[in-house]
Amino acid sequence: MRIIQMGMGGMGNAWLERLTPLPFIEYAGFVEIDDAIAQTQADAYNFDASVVFKTLPDALSAVEADAVISIIPPAYRTETLQTCIDANIPLMAEKPLSETLEDAYTQANMATDSGLLYMITQDYRYKPALYTVKQILESGELGAISSVSVTH
């Protein structure tokens, strides 16, 4: 599958780490507005910097892709979704879906009306440690919980 990844820094780097080794994923291009991040990641992952674009429309007009993965702030999600709908290309985006309930409904309606595959990732739900904590909390074994601190 040939993909365009939007966002190469922060969580975008986590996606690069996980997807780059997969034999069924081929990066067709990237969207990154920060030139320093784009160059650093192109060097680190041995990508051709010529396939890093400033906007999704630029990337879509320059490379062939099967899907878009968006790891950018949710404030830009509706615009990204509309661009993907216009290009008839599926979109997977990093959570959260949106900043407001109204925008979430807008996106859901856009995707439904278009018939486009649109999904939001949630990759922590089934991690063994989190699942175990959830089971312990739900069991009541610890009694009422008044506060929780998490460090890693």
Protein backbone atom coordinates (compact mmCIF):
# COMPACT_ATOMS: atom_id res chain seq x y z
CA MET A 1 0.00 0.00 0.00
CA ARG A 2 1.37 3.37 -1.01
CA ILE A 3 0.66 6.08 1.56
CA ILE A 4 1.15 9.78 2.10
CA GLN A 5 1.89 10.63 5.72
CA MET A 6 0.98 14.09 6.99
CA GLY A 7 3.21 15.11 9.89
CA MET A 8 6.72 13.74 10.37
CA GLY A 9 7.64 15.09 13.81
CA GLY A 10 6.33 14.18 17.26
CA MET A 11 3.75 11.39 16.88
CA GLY A 12 4.53 11.39 13.17
CA ASN A 13 7.93 9.98 14.09
CA ALA A 14 6.25 7.19 16.08
CA TRP A 15 4.28 6.27 12.95
CA LEU A 16 7.45 6.35 10.86
CA GLU A 17 9.13 3.98 13.32
CA ARG A 18 6.22 1.54 13.18
CA LEU A 19 5.32 1.68 9.49
CA THR A 20 8.71 1.94 7.80
CA PRO A 21 9.70 -1.69 8.50
CA LEU A 22 6.39 -3.14 7.30
CA PRO A 23 6.80 -4.88 3.93
CA PHE A 24 3.28 -3.97 2.75
CA ILE A 25 3.72 -0.22 3.35
CA GLU A 26 5.48 2.03 0.86
CA TYR A 27 5.75 5.74 1.49
CA ALA A 28 4.71 7.62 -1.65
CA GLY A 29 5.16 11.01 -0.02
CA PHE A 30 4.91 13.18 3.05
CA VAL A 31 3.40 16.48 4.12
CA GLU A 32 5.47 18.49 6.60
CA ILE A 33 5.45 22.26 7.06
CA ASP A 34 8.68 22.41 9.10
CA ASP A 35 11.70 22.14 6.78
CA ALA A 36 14.05 21.14 9.60
CA ILE A 37 11.81 18.26 10.70
CA ALA A 38 11.35 17.17 7.09
CA GLN A 39 15.09 17.07 6.45
CA THR A 40 15.91 15.39 9.76
CA GLN A 41 13.34 12.64 9.15
CA ALA A 42 14.29 12.18 5.50
CA ASP A 43 17.88 11.66 6.61
CA ALA A 44 16.98 9.40 9.55
CA TYR A 45 14.70 7.14 7.51
CA ASN A 46 16.56 7.42 4.21
CA PHE A 47 13.62 9.02 2.36
CA ASP A 48 13.99 11.16 -0.73
CA ALA A 49 13.37 14.73 0.47
CA SER A 50 11.83 15.55 -2.93
CA VAL A 51 8.66 13.68 -1.90
CA VAL A 52 8.09 15.92 1.13
CA PHE A 53 5.48 18.57 0.38
CA LYS A 54 4.07 21.58 2.24
CA THR A 55 0.41 20.75 1.53
CA LEU A 56 -1.69 17.66 0.95
CA PRO A 57 -2.98 18.94 -2.43
CA ASP A 58 0.65 19.34 -3.57
CA ALA A 59 1.46 15.79 -2.47
CA LEU A 60 -1.65 14.32 -4.09
CA SER A 61 -0.90 16.03 -7.40
CA ALA A 62 2.71 14.83 -7.43
CA VAL A 63 2.60 11.22 -6.25
CA GLU A 64 0.33 8.18 -6.60
CA ALA A 65 -1.01 6.93 -3.26
CA ASP A 66 -3.61 4.49 -1.99
CA ALA A 67 -4.31 6.28 1.30
CA VAL A 68 -3.41 9.22 3.53
CA ILE A 69 -2.39 9.00 7.17
CA SER A 70 -2.80 12.27 9.03
CA ILE A 71 -0.84 12.91 12.21
CA ILE A 72 -1.55 16.60 12.46
CA PRO A 73 -3.65 18.59 14.95
CA PRO A 74 -7.41 17.97 14.83
CA ALA A 75 -8.05 21.64 14.00
CA TYR A 76 -7.01 20.77 10.41
CA ARG A 77 -8.90 17.48 10.20
CA THR A 78 -12.04 18.70 8.39
CA GLU A 79 -9.97 20.43 5.72
CA THR A 80 -7.82 17.30 5.31
CA LEU A 81 -10.92 15.12 5.07
CA GLN A 82 -12.41 17.37 2.38
CA THR A 83 -9.16 17.22 0.40
CA CYS A 84 -9.21 13.42 0.60
CA ILE A 85 -12.87 13.28 -0.40
CA ASP A 86 -12.13 15.51 -3.41
CA ALA A 87 -9.27 13.17 -4.37
CA ASN A 88 -11.31 10.03 -3.56
CA ILE A 89 -8.57 8.67 -1.31
CA PRO A 90 -9.11 6.99 2.09
CA LEU A 91 -7.96 8.80 5.23
CA MET A 92 -6.78 7.46 8.55
CA ALA A 93 -6.12 10.07 11.22
CA GLU A 94 -4.52 10.06 14.65
CA LYS A 95 -6.91 10.67 17.54
CA PRO A 96 -8.60 12.82 18.68
CA LEU A 97 -11.25 13.11 15.99
CA SER A 98 -11.91 16.80 16.57
CA GLU A 99 -11.81 19.66 19.02
CA THR A 100 -15.61 20.04 19.17
CA LEU A 101 -18.64 17.77 19.00
CA GLU A 102 -20.02 19.90 16.16
CA ASP A 103 -16.88 19.32 14.09
CA ALA A 104 -17.01 15.58 14.85
CA TYR A 105 -20.56 15.45 13.46
CA THR A 106 -19.48 17.48 10.44
CA GLN A 107 -16.68 15.02 9.69
CA ALA A 108 -18.90 11.99 10.24
CA ASN A 109 -21.50 13.40 7.86
CA MET A 110 -18.86 14.29 5.28
CA ALA A 111 -17.45 10.76 5.34
CA THR A 112 -20.89 9.13 5.28
CA ASP A 113 -22.10 11.30 2.39
CA SER A 114 -18.93 10.64 0.39
CA GLY A 115 -18.75 6.90 1.06
CA LEU A 116 -15.04 7.40 1.71
CA LEU A 117 -13.24 5.15 4.18
CA TYR A 118 -12.35 7.43 7.08
CA MET A 119 -11.02 6.13 10.35
CA ILE A 120 -9.54 7.47 13.56
CA THR A 121 -6.89 5.39 15.30
CA GLN A 122 -6.94 4.33 18.93
CA ASP A 123 -3.94 2.13 19.46
CA TYR A 124 -3.67 1.98 23.26
CA ARG A 125 -6.92 0.22 24.10
CA TYR A 126 -5.62 -3.36 23.95
CA LYS A 127 -2.09 -2.95 25.29
CA PRO A 128 -1.64 -5.64 27.95
CA ALA A 129 -0.62 -3.26 30.76
CA LEU A 130 -3.57 -0.94 30.18
CA TYR A 131 -5.99 -3.82 29.82
CA THR A 132 -4.74 -5.30 33.11
CA VAL A 133 -5.14 -1.96 34.92
CA LYS A 134 -8.65 -1.64 33.50
CA GLN A 135 -9.56 -5.13 34.75
CA ILE A 136 -8.19 -4.41 38.25
CA LEU A 137 -10.03 -1.09 38.48
CA GLU A 138 -13.28 -2.61 37.30
CA SER A 139 -12.97 -5.52 39.74
CA GLY A 140 -13.17 -3.24 42.77
CA GLU A 141 -10.15 -5.04 44.25
CA LEU A 142 -8.53 -1.72 45.14
CA GLY A 143 -11.68 -0.02 46.41
CA ALA A 144 -12.66 3.48 45.35
CA ILE A 145 -9.94 5.28 43.39
CA SER A 146 -9.58 8.97 44.24
CA SER A 147 -6.55 9.82 42.09
CA VAL A 148 -4.13 8.27 39.63
CA SER A 149 -0.60 9.31 38.62
CA VAL A 150 1.12 7.90 35.55
CA THR A 151 4.79 8.16 34.69
CA HIS A 152 6.91 6.42 32.12
